[in-house]
Amino acid sequence: MKNHGYRVVTASNGEEGLEKIYSEKPDAVVTDINMPGMDGKTLCERSDPLKAERRFLTIVLTARISPGEQKWIKALQETQLMQKPFSPSRLLEQIDQYFGEES
């Protein structure tokens, strides 16, 4: 998948991801719920207060989540759910839509 004009920064786990959210100040974050160390829910909850200072999109990926488990996602700012499996083009569409661009 090409980066579609976006600069892509990766992290190998939740702790590194949170560090990069602070240091890189991304416009969009894509995270899985299940990750080594810090899980995606904790990553989202710990990065959510940063959105008061600067907006950024968070897309949470998961294979299976019940409607009850989705409540924490809806409670966060600028956070969307994307169920697996997904196509890379759909992920890019969701990011482009957030930024008001046509894909």
N, C-alpha and C. Protein backbone atom coordinates (compact mmCIF):
# COMPACT_ATOMS: atom_id res chain seq x y z
N MET A 1 0.84 -1.18 0.00
CA MET A 1 0.00 0.00 0.00
C MET A 1 0.89 1.24 0.00
N LYS A 2 0.63 2.15 -0.90
CA LYS A 2 1.35 3.41 -0.91
C LYS A 2 0.84 4.28 0.22
N ASN A 3 1.63 5.27 0.62
CA ASN A 3 1.23 6.10 1.75
C ASN A 3 0.25 7.19 1.36
N HIS A 4 -0.12 7.26 0.09
CA HIS A 4 -1.19 8.16 -0.37
C HIS A 4 -0.89 9.62 -0.05
N GLY A 5 0.39 9.96 -0.04
CA GLY A 5 0.78 11.33 0.25
C GLY A 5 0.97 11.64 1.72
N TYR A 6 0.70 10.66 2.58
CA TYR A 6 0.87 10.85 4.01
C TYR A 6 2.25 10.36 4.44
N ARG A 7 2.84 11.00 5.42
CA ARG A 7 4.08 10.50 6.01
C ARG A 7 3.66 9.49 7.07
N VAL A 8 4.17 8.29 6.98
CA VAL A 8 3.77 7.21 7.88
C VAL A 8 4.87 6.94 8.89
N VAL A 9 4.50 6.90 10.17
CA VAL A 9 5.41 6.58 11.27
C VAL A 9 4.83 5.34 11.94
N THR A 10 5.66 4.36 12.22
CA THR A 10 5.17 3.13 12.84
C THR A 10 5.72 2.95 14.25
N ALA A 11 5.03 2.14 15.01
CA ALA A 11 5.45 1.77 16.36
C ALA A 11 5.23 0.28 16.52
N SER A 12 6.08 -0.36 17.31
CA SER A 12 5.97 -1.81 17.45
C SER A 12 5.10 -2.25 18.63
N ASN A 13 4.70 -1.29 19.50
CA ASN A 13 3.82 -1.63 20.61
C ASN A 13 3.13 -0.36 21.11
N GLY A 14 2.26 -0.51 22.07
CA GLY A 14 1.48 0.62 22.56
C GLY A 14 2.31 1.70 23.24
N GLU A 15 3.31 1.28 24.02
CA GLU A 15 4.15 2.27 24.71
C GLU A 15 4.90 3.13 23.70
N GLU A 16 5.48 2.50 22.69
CA GLU A 16 6.20 3.23 21.66
C GLU A 16 5.22 4.11 20.87
N GLY A 17 4.03 3.59 20.64
CA GLY A 17 3.01 4.38 19.94
C GLY A 17 2.66 5.65 20.68
N LEU A 18 2.48 5.55 21.99
CA LEU A 18 2.15 6.73 22.79
C LEU A 18 3.30 7.73 22.77
N GLU A 19 4.53 7.24 22.87
CA GLU A 19 5.70 8.12 22.78
C GLU A 19 5.71 8.88 21.45
N LYS A 20 5.38 8.17 20.38
CA LYS A 20 5.40 8.81 19.06
C LYS A 20 4.25 9.79 18.89
N ILE A 21 3.13 9.54 19.54
CA ILE A 21 2.03 10.51 19.51
C ILE A 21 2.50 11.82 20.13
N TYR A 22 3.24 11.74 21.23
CA TYR A 22 3.77 12.94 21.88
C TYR A 22 4.87 13.59 21.04
N SER A 23 5.80 12.80 20.52
CA SER A 23 6.97 13.38 19.84
C SER A 23 6.70 13.77 18.38
N GLU A 24 5.94 12.97 17.66
CA GLU A 24 5.71 13.21 16.23
C GLU A 24 4.49 14.09 15.95
N LYS A 25 3.59 14.18 16.92
CA LYS A 25 2.36 14.97 16.79
C LYS A 25 1.61 14.65 15.47
N PRO A 26 1.19 13.39 15.32
CA PRO A 26 0.54 12.99 14.07
C PRO A 26 -0.86 13.61 13.92
N ASP A 27 -1.30 13.68 12.67
CA ASP A 27 -2.65 14.14 12.37
C ASP A 27 -3.65 12.98 12.45
N ALA A 28 -3.13 11.76 12.36
CA ALA A 28 -3.98 10.56 12.45
C ALA A 28 -3.18 9.43 13.09
N VAL A 29 -3.87 8.64 13.90
CA VAL A 29 -3.28 7.49 14.57
C VAL A 29 -4.15 6.28 14.24
N VAL A 30 -3.51 5.20 13.82
CA VAL A 30 -4.23 3.95 13.57
C VAL A 30 -3.68 2.94 14.57
N THR A 31 -4.57 2.35 15.37
CA THR A 31 -4.14 1.40 16.39
C THR A 31 -5.05 0.19 16.42
N ASP A 32 -4.48 -0.92 16.78
CA ASP A 32 -5.25 -2.13 17.02
C ASP A 32 -5.61 -2.12 18.51
N ILE A 33 -6.65 -2.83 18.88
CA ILE A 33 -6.97 -2.96 20.30
C ILE A 33 -5.96 -3.90 20.96
N ASN A 34 -5.66 -5.01 20.29
CA ASN A 34 -4.74 -6.00 20.85
C ASN A 34 -3.32 -5.71 20.39
N MET A 35 -2.49 -5.29 21.35
CA MET A 35 -1.08 -5.02 21.07
C MET A 35 -0.26 -5.49 22.26
N PRO A 36 1.03 -5.74 22.05
CA PRO A 36 1.88 -6.11 23.19
C PRO A 36 2.04 -4.93 24.14
N GLY A 37 2.18 -5.22 25.41
CA GLY A 37 2.34 -4.16 26.40
C GLY A 37 1.04 -3.41 26.59
N MET A 38 1.07 -2.13 26.30
CA MET A 38 -0.13 -1.29 26.42
C MET A 38 -1.10 -1.62 25.29
N ASP A 39 -2.36 -1.91 25.64
CA ASP A 39 -3.34 -2.22 24.60
C ASP A 39 -3.87 -0.94 23.96
N GLY A 40 -4.61 -1.11 22.88
CA GLY A 40 -5.14 0.03 22.14
C GLY A 40 -6.11 0.89 22.94
N LYS A 41 -6.89 0.27 23.80
CA LYS A 41 -7.83 1.04 24.63
C LYS A 41 -7.05 1.99 25.54
N THR A 42 -6.03 1.49 26.20
CA THR A 42 -5.22 2.33 27.09
C THR A 42 -4.51 3.42 26.30
N LEU A 43 -3.98 3.07 25.13
CA LEU A 43 -3.33 4.06 24.27
C LEU A 43 -4.30 5.19 23.93
N CYS A 44 -5.51 4.84 23.56
CA CYS A 44 -6.52 5.84 23.21
C CYS A 44 -6.88 6.71 24.40
N GLU A 45 -7.09 6.08 25.54
CA GLU A 45 -7.47 6.83 26.74
C GLU A 45 -6.36 7.77 27.19
N ARG A 46 -5.12 7.34 27.04
CA ARG A 46 -3.99 8.17 27.48
C ARG A 46 -3.67 9.28 26.48
N SER A 47 -3.99 9.09 25.22
CA SER A 47 -3.72 10.12 24.22
C SER A 47 -4.90 11.07 24.01
N ASP A 48 -6.08 10.68 24.46
CA ASP A 48 -7.28 11.50 24.25
C ASP A 48 -7.17 12.92 24.83
N PRO A 49 -6.60 13.12 26.02
CA PRO A 49 -6.49 14.48 26.55
C PRO A 49 -5.66 15.42 25.66
N LEU A 50 -4.76 14.88 24.86
CA LEU A 50 -3.96 15.71 23.94
C LEU A 50 -4.83 16.39 22.90
N LYS A 51 -5.99 15.82 22.62
CA LYS A 51 -6.87 16.35 21.59
C LYS A 51 -7.51 17.67 22.00
N ALA A 52 -7.41 18.02 23.27
CA ALA A 52 -7.89 19.33 23.72
C ALA A 52 -6.96 20.43 23.20
N GLU A 53 -5.69 20.09 23.01
CA GLU A 53 -4.70 21.06 22.53
C GLU A 53 -4.55 21.03 21.01
N ARG A 54 -4.65 19.84 20.42
CA ARG A 54 -4.55 19.72 18.97
C ARG A 54 -5.37 18.51 18.52
N ARG A 55 -6.20 18.73 17.55
CA ARG A 55 -7.06 17.66 17.06
C ARG A 55 -6.25 16.66 16.24
N PHE A 56 -6.60 15.39 16.39
CA PHE A 56 -6.09 14.35 15.49
C PHE A 56 -7.06 13.19 15.52
N LEU A 57 -7.12 12.51 14.41
CA LEU A 57 -8.00 11.36 14.24
C LEU A 57 -7.35 10.12 14.83
N THR A 58 -8.14 9.30 15.51
CA THR A 58 -7.69 7.98 15.94
C THR A 58 -8.63 6.96 15.35
N ILE A 59 -8.09 5.98 14.65
CA ILE A 59 -8.87 4.87 14.12
C ILE A 59 -8.46 3.62 14.88
N VAL A 60 -9.45 2.98 15.49
CA VAL A 60 -9.23 1.78 16.29
C VAL A 60 -9.63 0.57 15.44
N LEU A 61 -8.69 -0.35 15.25
CA LEU A 61 -8.95 -1.57 14.48
C LEU A 61 -9.21 -2.73 15.43
N THR A 62 -10.15 -3.57 15.06
CA THR A 62 -10.39 -4.78 15.84
C THR A 62 -11.11 -5.81 14.98
N ALA A 63 -10.90 -7.07 15.31
CA ALA A 63 -11.56 -8.14 14.58
C ALA A 63 -12.99 -8.34 15.05
N ARG A 64 -13.20 -8.15 16.35
CA ARG A 64 -14.53 -8.40 16.89
C ARG A 64 -14.72 -7.58 18.15
N ILE A 65 -15.83 -6.85 18.19
CA ILE A 65 -16.14 -6.05 19.37
C ILE A 65 -17.66 -5.94 19.49
N SER A 66 -18.15 -6.15 20.69
CA SER A 66 -19.60 -6.09 20.90
C SER A 66 -20.03 -4.62 21.01
N PRO A 67 -21.30 -4.34 20.78
CA PRO A 67 -21.78 -2.96 20.93
C PRO A 67 -21.49 -2.39 22.32
N GLY A 68 -21.56 -3.21 23.35
CA GLY A 68 -21.26 -2.74 24.70
C GLY A 68 -19.81 -2.32 24.86
N GLU A 69 -18.91 -3.07 24.20
CA GLU A 69 -17.48 -2.76 24.28
C GLU A 69 -17.13 -1.51 23.47
N GLN A 70 -18.01 -1.11 22.56
CA GLN A 70 -17.75 0.06 21.72
C GLN A 70 -17.98 1.38 22.45
N LYS A 71 -18.59 1.33 23.63
CA LYS A 71 -18.92 2.56 24.36
C LYS A 71 -17.69 3.41 24.65
N TRP A 72 -16.58 2.79 25.00
CA TRP A 72 -15.38 3.57 25.31
C TRP A 72 -14.86 4.30 24.09
N ILE A 73 -15.03 3.71 22.90
CA ILE A 73 -14.59 4.37 21.67
C ILE A 73 -15.44 5.61 21.41
N LYS A 74 -16.74 5.47 21.58
CA LYS A 74 -17.65 6.60 21.35
C LYS A 74 -17.43 7.73 22.35
N ALA A 75 -16.90 7.41 23.53
CA ALA A 75 -16.68 8.42 24.56
C ALA A 75 -15.43 9.27 24.29
N LEU A 76 -14.59 8.82 23.38
CA LEU A 76 -13.35 9.55 23.08
C LEU A 76 -13.56 10.54 21.94
N GLN A 77 -12.78 11.60 21.95
CA GLN A 77 -12.84 12.61 20.90
C GLN A 77 -12.20 12.09 19.61
N GLU A 78 -12.76 12.48 18.47
CA GLU A 78 -12.12 12.23 17.17
C GLU A 78 -11.65 10.79 17.02
N THR A 79 -12.45 9.83 17.49
CA THR A 79 -12.05 8.42 17.46
C THR A 79 -13.10 7.60 16.73
N GLN A 80 -12.64 6.78 15.79
CA GLN A 80 -13.54 5.97 14.97
C GLN A 80 -13.12 4.50 15.06
N LEU A 81 -14.09 3.63 14.86
CA LEU A 81 -13.87 2.19 14.86
C LEU A 81 -13.84 1.68 13.44
N MET A 82 -12.92 0.77 13.15
CA MET A 82 -12.90 0.08 11.86
C MET A 82 -12.73 -1.41 12.15
N GLN A 83 -13.71 -2.18 11.72
CA GLN A 83 -13.68 -3.63 11.96
C GLN A 83 -12.80 -4.33 10.94
N LYS A 84 -12.06 -5.33 11.41
CA LYS A 84 -11.28 -6.21 10.53
C LYS A 84 -12.20 -7.30 9.99
N PRO A 85 -11.97 -7.84 8.84
CA PRO A 85 -10.94 -7.41 7.90
C PRO A 85 -11.35 -6.10 7.23
N PHE A 86 -10.37 -5.34 6.81
CA PHE A 86 -10.62 -4.08 6.12
C PHE A 86 -9.64 -3.99 4.97
N SER A 87 -9.96 -3.17 4.01
CA SER A 87 -9.03 -2.97 2.90
C SER A 87 -8.22 -1.71 3.17
N PRO A 88 -6.96 -1.70 2.77
CA PRO A 88 -6.15 -0.49 2.93
C PRO A 88 -6.81 0.73 2.27
N SER A 89 -7.48 0.52 1.15
CA SER A 89 -8.14 1.65 0.49
C SER A 89 -9.27 2.20 1.35
N ARG A 90 -9.98 1.36 2.07
CA ARG A 90 -11.04 1.84 2.97
C ARG A 90 -10.45 2.64 4.12
N LEU A 91 -9.31 2.21 4.64
CA LEU A 91 -8.64 2.95 5.70
C LEU A 91 -8.26 4.34 5.20
N LEU A 92 -7.67 4.40 4.01
CA LEU A 92 -7.31 5.70 3.42
C LEU A 92 -8.53 6.57 3.17
N GLU A 93 -9.63 5.97 2.74
CA GLU A 93 -10.87 6.72 2.53
C GLU A 93 -11.33 7.36 3.84
N GLN A 94 -11.25 6.61 4.92
CA GLN A 94 -11.69 7.12 6.22
C GLN A 94 -10.80 8.29 6.67
N ILE A 95 -9.50 8.18 6.44
CA ILE A 95 -8.58 9.26 6.80
C ILE A 95 -8.83 10.48 5.91
N ASP A 96 -8.95 10.25 4.61
CA ASP A 96 -9.22 11.35 3.67
C ASP A 96 -10.52 12.06 4.02
N GLN A 97 -11.54 11.29 4.38
CA GLN A 97 -12.84 11.86 4.74
C GLN A 97 -12.70 12.76 5.97
N TYR A 98 -11.94 12.35 6.93
CA TYR A 98 -11.72 13.14 8.14
C TYR A 98 -11.09 14.50 7.78
N PHE A 99 -10.15 14.48 6.84
CA PHE A 99 -9.48 15.70 6.44
C PHE A 99 -10.23 16.44 5.35
N GLY A 100 -11.42 15.93 4.96
CA GLY A 100 -12.24 16.61 3.98
C GLY A 100 -11.75 16.52 2.57
N GLU A 101 -11.03 15.43 2.27
CA GLU A 101 -10.49 15.24 0.93
C GLU A 101 -11.23 14.12 0.23
N GLU A 102 -11.27 14.23 -1.07
CA GLU A 102 -11.84 13.16 -1.90
C GLU A 102 -10.76 12.14 -2.16
N SER A 103 -11.11 10.85 -2.10
CA SER A 103 -10.10 9.84 -2.40
C SER A 103 -10.22 9.37 -3.82
